[in-house]
Amino acid sequence: MTDVTETLDALGLLCPLPVLKARKRLKSMPDGAILRLLADDPAAVIDVPHFCIEAGHTLIAQEVDGDHQVYVIRKSL
């Protein structure tokens, strides 16, 4: 897997908080950095990929790990 720069735990947060927190964290990270986002909100499956497309970030990976999802996002340059 790609080297993760930071991990954001958004477990227990409901829409739109996982995406809003990811946006805020990515803003403070350098271009090309990798954010691993943990979420268990069912809407995140739609919201996170849509956010990446809209913001121009790259969704490197999206997988289910037990009772939550893991998203790996590369900040756009």
C-alpha atoms as a PDB file:
ATOM      1  CA  MET A   1       0.000   0.000   0.000  1.00  0.00           C
ATOM      2  CA  THR A   2       1.011   3.595  -0.550  1.00  0.00           C
ATOM      3  CA  ASP A   3       2.783   5.375   2.305  1.00  0.00           C
ATOM      4  CA  VAL A   4       0.101   7.044   4.386  1.00  0.00           C
ATOM      5  CA  THR A   5       0.979  10.536   5.636  1.00  0.00           C
ATOM      6  CA  GLU A   6      -1.871  10.819   8.158  1.00  0.00           C
ATOM      7  CA  THR A   7      -4.893   8.856   9.373  1.00  0.00           C
ATOM      8  CA  LEU A   8      -8.220  10.525  10.148  1.00  0.00           C
ATOM      9  CA  ASP A   9     -10.594   8.573  12.368  1.00  0.00           C
ATOM     10  CA  ALA A  10     -14.156   9.623  11.470  1.00  0.00           C
ATOM     11  CA  LEU A  11     -15.782   6.564  13.030  1.00  0.00           C
ATOM     12  CA  GLY A  12     -19.125   7.365  14.620  1.00  0.00           C
ATOM     13  CA  LEU A  13     -19.574  10.559  12.609  1.00  0.00           C
ATOM     14  CA  LEU A  14     -22.522  10.951  10.263  1.00  0.00           C
ATOM     15  CA  CYS A  15     -22.827  12.746   6.938  1.00  0.00           C
ATOM     16  CA  PRO A  16     -21.469  15.276   6.151  1.00  0.00           C
ATOM     17  CA  LEU A  17     -18.882  15.237   8.967  1.00  0.00           C
ATOM     18  CA  PRO A  18     -16.470  12.582   7.564  1.00  0.00           C
ATOM     19  CA  VAL A  19     -16.094  14.562   4.317  1.00  0.00           C
ATOM     20  CA  LEU A  20     -15.899  17.936   6.075  1.00  0.00           C
ATOM     21  CA  LYS A  21     -13.175  16.665   8.415  1.00  0.00           C
ATOM     22  CA  ALA A  22     -11.293  15.091   5.491  1.00  0.00           C
ATOM     23  CA  ARG A  23     -11.465  18.382   3.573  1.00  0.00           C
ATOM     24  CA  LYS A  24     -10.105  20.307   6.562  1.00  0.00           C
ATOM     25  CA  ARG A  25      -7.292  17.807   7.183  1.00  0.00           C
ATOM     26  CA  LEU A  26      -6.281  17.674   3.506  1.00  0.00           C
ATOM     27  CA  LYS A  27      -6.128  21.471   3.367  1.00  0.00           C
ATOM     28  CA  SER A  28      -3.375  21.458   6.008  1.00  0.00           C
ATOM     29  CA  MET A  29      -1.387  18.666   4.306  1.00  0.00           C
ATOM     30  CA  PRO A  30       1.243  19.174   1.582  1.00  0.00           C
ATOM     31  CA  ASP A  31       0.381  18.439  -2.054  1.00  0.00           C
ATOM     32  CA  GLY A  32       0.753  14.751  -2.868  1.00  0.00           C
ATOM     33  CA  ALA A  33       0.297  13.689   0.770  1.00  0.00           C
ATOM     34  CA  ILE A  34      -1.769  10.579   1.503  1.00  0.00           C
ATOM     35  CA  LEU A  35      -4.709  10.624   3.920  1.00  0.00           C
ATOM     36  CA  ARG A  36      -6.240   7.416   5.264  1.00  0.00           C
ATOM     37  CA  LEU A  37      -9.844   8.065   6.275  1.00  0.00           C
ATOM     38  CA  LEU A  38     -11.752   5.646   8.512  1.00  0.00           C
ATOM     39  CA  ALA A  39     -15.544   5.982   8.395  1.00  0.00           C
ATOM     40  CA  ASP A  40     -18.576   3.896   9.310  1.00  0.00           C
ATOM     41  CA  ASP A  41     -21.288   6.203   7.967  1.00  0.00           C
ATOM     42  CA  PRO A  42     -23.170   4.302   5.219  1.00  0.00           C
ATOM     43  CA  ALA A  43     -23.364   7.530   3.170  1.00  0.00           C
ATOM     44  CA  ALA A  44     -19.555   7.787   3.065  1.00  0.00           C
ATOM     45  CA  VAL A  45     -19.483   5.152   0.301  1.00  0.00           C
ATOM     46  CA  ILE A  46     -21.072   7.774  -1.958  1.00  0.00           C
ATOM     47  CA  ASP A  47     -19.849  10.980  -0.302  1.00  0.00           C
ATOM     48  CA  VAL A  48     -16.102  10.317  -0.174  1.00  0.00           C
ATOM     49  CA  PRO A  49     -15.616   9.348  -3.855  1.00  0.00           C
ATOM     50  CA  HIS A  50     -17.825  12.297  -4.889  1.00  0.00           C
ATOM     51  CA  PHE A  51     -15.804  14.663  -2.694  1.00  0.00           C
ATOM     52  CA  CYS A  52     -12.543  13.430  -4.259  1.00  0.00           C
ATOM     53  CA  ILE A  53     -13.854  14.008  -7.785  1.00  0.00           C
ATOM     54  CA  GLU A  54     -15.206  17.476  -6.943  1.00  0.00           C
ATOM     55  CA  ALA A  55     -12.045  18.574  -5.101  1.00  0.00           C
ATOM     56  CA  GLY A  56      -9.638  17.015  -7.607  1.00  0.00           C
ATOM     57  CA  HIS A  57      -8.067  14.587  -5.139  1.00  0.00           C
ATOM     58  CA  THR A  58      -7.239  10.991  -6.119  1.00  0.00           C
ATOM     59  CA  LEU A  59      -9.078   8.164  -4.381  1.00  0.00           C
ATOM     60  CA  ILE A  60      -6.303   5.555  -4.352  1.00  0.00           C
ATOM     61  CA  ALA A  61      -8.207   2.837  -2.484  1.00  0.00           C
ATOM     62  CA  GLN A  62     -11.592   2.149  -0.967  1.00  0.00           C
ATOM     63  CA  GLU A  63     -12.242  -1.002   1.034  1.00  0.00           C
ATOM     64  CA  VAL A  64     -14.354  -2.431   3.826  1.00  0.00           C
ATOM     65  CA  ASP A  65     -12.508  -3.466   6.980  1.00  0.00           C
ATOM     66  CA  GLY A  66     -14.924  -5.228   9.330  1.00  0.00           C
ATOM     67  CA  ASP A  67     -17.630  -2.762  10.320  1.00  0.00           C
ATOM     68  CA  HIS A  68     -16.097   0.327   8.697  1.00  0.00           C
ATOM     69  CA  GLN A  69     -14.696   1.620   5.429  1.00  0.00           C
ATOM     70  CA  VAL A  70     -11.128   2.718   4.727  1.00  0.00           C
ATOM     71  CA  TYR A  71     -10.423   5.361   2.085  1.00  0.00           C
ATOM     72  CA  VAL A  72      -6.940   6.290   0.915  1.00  0.00           C
ATOM     73  CA  ILE A  73      -6.843   9.743  -0.666  1.00  0.00           C
ATOM     74  CA  ARG A  74      -3.921  11.532  -2.349  1.00  0.00           C
ATOM     75  CA  LYS A  75      -4.117  15.305  -2.071  1.00  0.00           C
ATOM     76  CA  SER A  76      -4.156  16.983  -5.472  1.00  0.00           C
ATOM     77  CA  LEU A  77      -1.095  18.870  -6.588  1.00  0.00           C
END
